[in-house]
Amino acid sequence: MSNDQNSLGRQKMPLSGFIAYWSLVLSLLKLRNTPPHTVRFHLIRGRILLSLGLYEQAVSDFRSALRLNWRHDEAAFWLNEAKRAIPHVGETGSLT
């Protein structure tokens, strides 16, 4: 067994990956206990989708939250973050 495997022979997860994984699990549990068609529901689901890289779907959820409450600052913030995360056509993500 190598140093990068756990006692079950599986690949060890870095701490940052472990934290991100459990953060996602906790968000899913919150979502399950939140009534649908509420601002909170769309915010939680939008943030989950954003963390999974599903930017267009996240934008849709944040827009739904703003339709329910157009003055909701957190929904506006996350909508902006999701829009900025969408890769632009022709963008490679490399500086070289």
Protein backbone atom coordinates (compact mmCIF):
# COMPACT_ATOMS: atom_id res chain seq x y z
CA MET A 1 0.00 0.00 0.00
CA SER A 2 1.46 3.39 -1.01
CA ASN A 3 1.38 6.58 1.06
CA ASP A 4 -1.33 8.09 -1.14
CA GLN A 5 -3.83 5.31 -0.33
CA ASN A 6 -5.95 4.78 2.76
CA SER A 7 -6.29 1.53 4.72
CA LEU A 8 -8.93 0.29 2.24
CA GLY A 9 -6.56 0.76 -0.69
CA ARG A 10 -8.47 3.75 -2.02
CA GLN A 11 -6.93 7.01 -3.15
CA LYS A 12 -6.64 9.54 -0.30
CA MET A 13 -8.62 12.73 -0.78
CA PRO A 14 -6.83 16.02 -0.10
CA LEU A 15 -8.27 18.04 2.78
CA SER A 16 -9.65 20.75 0.48
CA GLY A 17 -11.49 18.11 -1.57
CA PHE A 18 -12.85 16.52 1.60
CA ILE A 19 -14.16 19.88 2.85
CA ALA A 20 -15.74 20.68 -0.53
CA TYR A 21 -17.37 17.23 -0.62
CA TRP A 22 -18.92 17.59 2.85
CA SER A 23 -19.99 21.15 2.13
CA LEU A 24 -21.90 19.83 -0.87
CA VAL A 25 -23.46 17.02 1.19
CA LEU A 26 -24.61 19.49 3.85
CA SER A 27 -26.06 21.78 1.17
CA LEU A 28 -28.01 18.86 -0.29
CA LEU A 29 -29.41 18.07 3.17
CA LYS A 30 -30.47 21.72 3.59
CA LEU A 31 -32.10 21.64 0.17
CA ARG A 32 -34.06 18.52 1.06
CA ASN A 33 -35.55 20.29 4.09
CA THR A 34 -36.37 23.55 2.27
CA PRO A 35 -39.81 24.11 0.73
CA PRO A 36 -39.61 24.38 -3.09
CA HIS A 37 -40.48 27.60 -4.89
CA THR A 38 -38.86 29.78 -2.23
CA VAL A 39 -35.91 32.14 -2.54
CA ARG A 40 -33.92 29.99 -0.12
CA PHE A 41 -34.54 26.84 -2.18
CA HIS A 42 -33.33 28.49 -5.40
CA LEU A 43 -30.28 29.99 -3.65
CA ILE A 44 -29.20 26.66 -2.18
CA ARG A 45 -29.77 24.73 -5.40
CA GLY A 46 -28.09 27.46 -7.45
CA ARG A 47 -24.99 27.35 -5.26
CA ILE A 48 -24.88 23.55 -5.53
CA LEU A 49 -25.13 23.76 -9.32
CA LEU A 50 -22.47 26.47 -9.40
CA SER A 51 -20.08 24.33 -7.35
CA LEU A 52 -20.65 21.45 -9.79
CA GLY A 53 -19.79 23.67 -12.76
CA LEU A 54 -23.37 23.74 -14.08
CA TYR A 55 -23.28 27.48 -14.62
CA GLU A 56 -26.29 27.94 -16.92
CA GLN A 57 -28.56 26.00 -14.56
CA ALA A 58 -27.21 28.00 -11.61
CA VAL A 59 -27.98 31.25 -13.44
CA SER A 60 -31.53 29.99 -13.99
CA ASP A 61 -31.99 29.26 -10.27
CA PHE A 62 -30.61 32.63 -9.18
CA ARG A 63 -32.93 34.35 -11.67
CA SER A 64 -35.84 32.38 -10.23
CA ALA A 65 -34.88 33.59 -6.75
CA LEU A 66 -34.83 37.18 -8.01
CA ARG A 67 -38.25 36.74 -9.64
CA LEU A 68 -39.58 35.79 -6.20
CA ASN A 69 -37.80 38.73 -4.51
CA TRP A 70 -36.19 41.18 -6.92
CA ARG A 71 -34.43 43.04 -4.08
CA HIS A 72 -32.65 39.99 -2.65
CA ASP A 73 -28.96 41.02 -2.47
CA GLU A 74 -27.60 37.50 -2.03
CA ALA A 75 -29.45 36.22 -5.11
CA ALA A 76 -28.11 39.15 -7.15
CA PHE A 77 -24.57 38.48 -5.89
CA TRP A 78 -24.68 34.78 -6.80
CA LEU A 79 -26.28 35.49 -10.18
CA ASN A 80 -23.32 37.75 -10.97
CA GLU A 81 -20.84 35.09 -9.77
CA ALA A 82 -22.51 32.41 -11.92
CA LYS A 83 -22.51 34.65 -15.00
CA ARG A 84 -18.81 35.43 -14.51
CA ALA A 85 -18.02 31.71 -14.18
CA ILE A 86 -19.48 30.87 -17.60
CA PRO A 87 -16.55 30.38 -20.01
CA HIS A 88 -16.63 32.71 -22.98
CA VAL A 89 -16.44 31.41 -26.54
CA GLY A 90 -12.83 31.01 -27.61
CA GLU A 91 -11.50 31.28 -24.07
CA THR A 92 -8.94 28.59 -23.32
CA GLY A 93 -8.22 29.37 -19.68
CA SER A 94 -4.49 29.30 -20.39
CA LEU A 95 -2.16 32.27 -20.23
CA THR A 96 0.36 30.73 -22.60
